[in-house]
Amino acid sequence: MKKNKRIFAMVLLLCILLPITLLFAGCNKAIGLGSYTFNGIIISVPGNDKHVCLTVVNWHDDDTGIEVKTEEYGAIFCSEGTYILFHDKCPICGKTRGD
């Protein structure tokens, strides 16, 4: 009888903890593991050496890319593979962005 109660308690505990774990695993900003503060974005054209370095006001991650509000051009959408976010200094042109 005690063995059955232990098994039931373990199954119940797993039924509670598994959805909570999956909920937090799917969130990209809530747990506080990183600051996710980026001041700049490099936008490039695949297959081309040209790029543009812009100042980020804020951004939102999406499944297929990111939505970015920039000081220079307002709101834009960048698909995956066409951008690099950076915090302070652009890794390509060396321009710095303030906080």
N, C-alpha and C. Protein backbone atom coordinates (compact mmCIF):
# COMPACT_ATOMS: atom_id res chain seq x y z
N MET A 1 0.81 -1.18 0.00
CA MET A 1 0.00 0.00 0.00
C MET A 1 0.87 1.26 0.00
N LYS A 2 1.95 1.25 0.85
CA LYS A 2 2.84 2.40 0.90
C LYS A 2 3.56 2.59 -0.43
N LYS A 3 3.88 1.49 -1.10
CA LYS A 3 4.57 1.57 -2.39
C LYS A 3 3.66 2.23 -3.42
N ASN A 4 2.39 1.90 -3.41
CA ASN A 4 1.44 2.52 -4.35
C ASN A 4 1.30 4.02 -4.08
N LYS A 5 1.30 4.43 -2.82
CA LYS A 5 1.21 5.84 -2.48
C LYS A 5 2.45 6.60 -2.95
N ARG A 6 3.61 5.98 -2.81
CA ARG A 6 4.85 6.61 -3.27
C ARG A 6 4.84 6.79 -4.80
N ILE A 7 4.42 5.76 -5.50
CA ILE A 7 4.35 5.84 -6.96
C ILE A 7 3.36 6.92 -7.39
N PHE A 8 2.21 6.97 -6.73
CA PHE A 8 1.20 7.98 -7.05
C PHE A 8 1.75 9.39 -6.78
N ALA A 9 2.47 9.55 -5.66
CA ALA A 9 3.04 10.86 -5.32
C ALA A 9 4.10 11.28 -6.34
N MET A 10 4.92 10.34 -6.79
CA MET A 10 5.94 10.64 -7.79
C MET A 10 5.31 11.04 -9.12
N VAL A 11 4.29 10.30 -9.55
CA VAL A 11 3.61 10.62 -10.80
C VAL A 11 2.93 11.99 -10.70
N LEU A 12 2.31 12.27 -9.58
CA LEU A 12 1.66 13.57 -9.37
C LEU A 12 2.69 14.70 -9.39
N LEU A 13 3.82 14.50 -8.76
CA LEU A 13 4.88 15.50 -8.75
C LEU A 13 5.41 15.75 -10.17
N LEU A 14 5.60 14.71 -10.94
CA LEU A 14 6.05 14.86 -12.32
C LEU A 14 5.01 15.59 -13.17
N CYS A 15 3.74 15.30 -12.93
CA CYS A 15 2.66 15.97 -13.68
C CYS A 15 2.60 17.46 -13.37
N ILE A 16 3.07 17.86 -12.22
CA ILE A 16 3.08 19.27 -11.86
C ILE A 16 4.36 19.94 -12.35
N LEU A 17 5.51 19.30 -12.16
CA LEU A 17 6.79 19.91 -12.50
C LEU A 17 7.09 19.95 -13.99
N LEU A 18 6.66 18.97 -14.74
CA LEU A 18 6.95 18.92 -16.17
C LEU A 18 6.35 20.10 -16.94
N PRO A 19 5.07 20.43 -16.77
CA PRO A 19 4.55 21.61 -17.49
C PRO A 19 5.21 22.92 -17.07
N ILE A 20 5.56 23.05 -15.81
CA ILE A 20 6.24 24.27 -15.35
C ILE A 20 7.62 24.37 -15.99
N THR A 21 8.34 23.28 -16.05
CA THR A 21 9.66 23.25 -16.68
C THR A 21 9.56 23.61 -18.16
N LEU A 22 8.61 23.04 -18.87
CA LEU A 22 8.43 23.34 -20.28
C LEU A 22 8.02 24.79 -20.50
N LEU A 23 7.24 25.34 -19.61
CA LEU A 23 6.83 26.74 -19.71
C LEU A 23 8.03 27.66 -19.64
N PHE A 24 8.92 27.44 -18.68
CA PHE A 24 10.10 28.29 -18.55
C PHE A 24 11.14 28.00 -19.63
N ALA A 25 11.19 26.80 -20.15
CA ALA A 25 12.15 26.47 -21.19
C ALA A 25 11.80 27.16 -22.51
N GLY A 26 10.52 27.46 -22.74
CA GLY A 26 10.11 28.11 -23.97
C GLY A 26 10.21 29.61 -23.94
N CYS A 27 10.58 30.18 -22.83
CA CYS A 27 10.64 31.64 -22.68
C CYS A 27 12.07 32.10 -22.90
N ASN A 28 12.27 33.10 -23.76
CA ASN A 28 13.63 33.51 -24.07
C ASN A 28 14.12 34.70 -23.27
N LYS A 29 13.29 35.28 -22.38
CA LYS A 29 13.76 36.46 -21.66
C LYS A 29 13.37 36.51 -20.20
N ALA A 30 12.58 35.62 -19.68
CA ALA A 30 11.97 35.81 -18.37
C ALA A 30 12.82 35.38 -17.18
N ILE A 31 13.68 34.41 -17.32
CA ILE A 31 14.35 33.84 -16.16
C ILE A 31 15.50 34.71 -15.67
N GLY A 32 16.02 35.56 -16.48
CA GLY A 32 17.10 36.44 -16.05
C GLY A 32 18.47 35.83 -16.19
N LEU A 33 18.66 34.93 -17.14
CA LEU A 33 19.96 34.31 -17.34
C LEU A 33 20.93 35.21 -18.09
N GLY A 34 20.40 36.22 -18.79
CA GLY A 34 21.23 37.17 -19.53
C GLY A 34 20.56 38.52 -19.55
N SER A 35 21.29 39.54 -19.92
CA SER A 35 20.70 40.88 -19.90
C SER A 35 19.94 41.18 -21.18
N TYR A 36 20.32 40.59 -22.30
CA TYR A 36 19.66 40.81 -23.59
C TYR A 36 19.57 42.28 -23.93
N THR A 37 20.57 43.06 -23.59
CA THR A 37 20.58 44.47 -23.94
C THR A 37 21.53 44.67 -25.12
N PHE A 38 20.98 45.06 -26.23
CA PHE A 38 21.76 45.31 -27.43
C PHE A 38 21.52 46.74 -27.87
N ASN A 39 22.59 47.46 -28.16
CA ASN A 39 22.49 48.85 -28.60
C ASN A 39 22.63 49.00 -30.10
N GLY A 40 23.12 47.98 -30.77
CA GLY A 40 23.35 48.08 -32.20
C GLY A 40 23.01 46.81 -32.94
N ILE A 41 22.79 46.97 -34.23
CA ILE A 41 22.51 45.83 -35.10
C ILE A 41 23.24 46.03 -36.42
N ILE A 42 23.80 44.96 -36.92
CA ILE A 42 24.41 44.97 -38.25
C ILE A 42 23.45 44.21 -39.15
N ILE A 43 23.03 44.84 -40.22
CA ILE A 43 22.15 44.20 -41.19
C ILE A 43 22.96 43.97 -42.45
N SER A 44 22.96 42.72 -42.93
CA SER A 44 23.73 42.40 -44.12
C SER A 44 22.83 41.72 -45.15
N VAL A 45 23.29 41.75 -46.38
CA VAL A 45 22.60 41.07 -47.47
C VAL A 45 23.37 39.78 -47.74
N PRO A 46 22.71 38.61 -47.64
CA PRO A 46 23.42 37.35 -47.90
C PRO A 46 24.05 37.34 -49.30
N GLY A 47 25.28 36.91 -49.37
CA GLY A 47 25.99 36.84 -50.65
C GLY A 47 26.60 38.17 -51.08
N ASN A 48 26.55 39.17 -50.20
CA ASN A 48 27.08 40.49 -50.52
C ASN A 48 27.93 40.95 -49.33
N ASP A 49 28.99 41.69 -49.60
CA ASP A 49 29.87 42.16 -48.52
C ASP A 49 29.37 43.42 -47.85
N LYS A 50 28.31 44.04 -48.36
CA LYS A 50 27.81 45.29 -47.81
C LYS A 50 27.00 45.03 -46.54
N HIS A 51 27.10 45.97 -45.62
CA HIS A 51 26.32 45.91 -44.39
C HIS A 51 26.01 47.32 -43.92
N VAL A 52 25.01 47.44 -43.05
CA VAL A 52 24.67 48.72 -42.45
C VAL A 52 24.61 48.52 -40.94
N CYS A 53 25.15 49.48 -40.20
CA CYS A 53 25.21 49.41 -38.75
C CYS A 53 24.24 50.44 -38.19
N LEU A 54 23.23 50.01 -37.42
CA LEU A 54 22.17 50.88 -36.93
C LEU A 54 22.10 50.86 -35.40
N THR A 55 21.49 51.89 -34.83
CA THR A 55 21.31 51.99 -33.39
C THR A 55 19.95 51.40 -33.01
N VAL A 56 19.92 50.47 -32.07
CA VAL A 56 18.71 49.78 -31.64
C VAL A 56 18.05 50.54 -30.50
N VAL A 57 16.76 50.84 -30.65
CA VAL A 57 15.97 51.41 -29.57
C VAL A 57 15.39 50.28 -28.73
N ASN A 58 14.72 49.33 -29.37
CA ASN A 58 14.26 48.09 -28.73
C ASN A 58 14.04 47.03 -29.79
N TRP A 59 13.89 45.78 -29.36
CA TRP A 59 13.73 44.68 -30.30
C TRP A 59 12.89 43.59 -29.68
N HIS A 60 12.31 42.75 -30.55
CA HIS A 60 11.48 41.63 -30.12
C HIS A 60 11.81 40.43 -30.97
N ASP A 61 12.11 39.31 -30.32
CA ASP A 61 12.45 38.07 -31.01
C ASP A 61 11.20 37.39 -31.55
N ASP A 62 11.31 36.79 -32.72
CA ASP A 62 10.21 36.09 -33.38
C ASP A 62 10.75 34.73 -33.84
N ASP A 63 9.89 33.86 -34.32
CA ASP A 63 10.33 32.54 -34.78
C ASP A 63 11.17 32.61 -36.05
N THR A 64 10.93 33.59 -36.91
CA THR A 64 11.62 33.67 -38.19
C THR A 64 12.60 34.83 -38.28
N GLY A 65 12.74 35.61 -37.22
CA GLY A 65 13.65 36.75 -37.22
C GLY A 65 13.39 37.63 -36.02
N ILE A 66 13.69 38.93 -36.17
CA ILE A 66 13.46 39.88 -35.09
C ILE A 66 12.81 41.15 -35.65
N GLU A 67 11.99 41.75 -34.80
CA GLU A 67 11.45 43.07 -35.10
C GLU A 67 12.30 44.06 -34.33
N VAL A 68 12.82 45.07 -35.01
CA VAL A 68 13.74 46.02 -34.40
C VAL A 68 13.24 47.44 -34.64
N LYS A 69 13.26 48.25 -33.60
CA LYS A 69 13.00 49.68 -33.77
C LYS A 69 14.36 50.36 -33.71
N THR A 70 14.71 51.06 -34.79
CA THR A 70 16.01 51.73 -34.87
C THR A 70 15.82 53.24 -34.84
N GLU A 71 16.87 53.94 -34.43
CA GLU A 71 16.83 55.40 -34.44
C GLU A 71 16.83 55.94 -35.87
N GLU A 72 17.54 55.26 -36.75
CA GLU A 72 17.72 55.76 -38.11
C GLU A 72 16.51 55.53 -39.02
N TYR A 73 15.89 54.35 -38.96
CA TYR A 73 14.84 53.98 -39.91
C TYR A 73 13.51 53.59 -39.28
N GLY A 74 13.38 53.67 -37.97
CA GLY A 74 12.14 53.26 -37.33
C GLY A 74 12.06 51.75 -37.21
N ALA A 75 10.85 51.20 -37.35
CA ALA A 75 10.64 49.76 -37.17
C ALA A 75 10.97 48.99 -38.44
N ILE A 76 11.76 47.92 -38.29
CA ILE A 76 12.11 47.05 -39.41
C ILE A 76 12.05 45.60 -38.94
N PHE A 77 11.94 44.68 -39.89
CA PHE A 77 11.98 43.25 -39.60
C PHE A 77 13.20 42.66 -40.27
N CYS A 78 13.98 41.89 -39.53
CA CYS A 78 15.17 41.22 -40.07
C CYS A 78 14.97 39.72 -39.95
N SER A 79 15.07 39.01 -41.07
CA SER A 79 14.93 37.56 -41.03
C SER A 79 16.21 36.93 -40.51
N GLU A 80 16.09 35.69 -40.04
CA GLU A 80 17.23 34.98 -39.48
C GLU A 80 18.37 34.91 -40.50
N GLY A 81 19.58 35.13 -40.03
CA GLY A 81 20.75 35.03 -40.88
C GLY A 81 21.14 36.33 -41.56
N THR A 82 20.37 37.41 -41.37
CA THR A 82 20.68 38.68 -42.03
C THR A 82 21.12 39.76 -41.05
N TYR A 83 21.29 39.42 -39.78
CA TYR A 83 21.62 40.44 -38.79
C TYR A 83 22.55 39.89 -37.72
N ILE A 84 23.23 40.82 -37.05
CA ILE A 84 24.04 40.52 -35.87
C ILE A 84 23.72 41.61 -34.85
N LEU A 85 23.27 41.22 -33.68
CA LEU A 85 23.05 42.18 -32.59
C LEU A 85 24.33 42.32 -31.78
N PHE A 86 24.64 43.52 -31.32
CA PHE A 86 25.81 43.71 -30.47
C PHE A 86 25.49 44.74 -29.40
N HIS A 87 26.29 44.74 -28.34
CA HIS A 87 26.01 45.63 -27.20
C HIS A 87 26.67 46.99 -27.34
N ASP A 88 27.95 47.04 -27.51
CA ASP A 88 28.64 48.32 -27.42
C ASP A 88 29.40 48.67 -28.69
N LYS A 89 30.24 47.77 -29.17
CA LYS A 89 31.11 48.06 -30.31
C LYS A 89 30.80 47.11 -31.46
N CYS A 90 30.59 47.71 -32.63
CA CYS A 90 30.30 46.90 -33.82
C CYS A 90 31.51 46.04 -34.16
N PRO A 91 31.33 44.73 -34.30
CA PRO A 91 32.47 43.86 -34.58
C PRO A 91 33.02 44.01 -36.01
N ILE A 92 32.28 44.68 -36.90
CA ILE A 92 32.75 44.83 -38.28
C ILE A 92 33.39 46.21 -38.53
N CYS A 93 32.63 47.28 -38.21
CA CYS A 93 33.14 48.62 -38.52
C CYS A 93 33.79 49.32 -37.32
N GLY A 94 33.58 48.82 -36.10
CA GLY A 94 34.22 49.38 -34.92
C GLY A 94 33.50 50.57 -34.30
N LYS A 95 32.34 50.98 -34.84
CA LYS A 95 31.59 52.09 -34.25
C LYS A 95 31.07 51.66 -32.88
N THR A 96 31.05 52.61 -31.94
CA THR A 96 30.53 52.30 -30.61
C THR A 96 29.14 52.90 -30.44
N ARG A 97 28.33 52.24 -29.64
CA ARG A 97 26.97 52.69 -29.34
C ARG A 97 26.89 52.98 -27.85
N GLY A 98 26.23 54.08 -27.48
CA GLY A 98 26.08 54.43 -26.08
C GLY A 98 24.93 53.69 -25.44
N ASP A 99 24.89 53.65 -24.11
CA ASP A 99 23.80 52.99 -23.39
C ASP A 99 22.54 53.81 -23.43
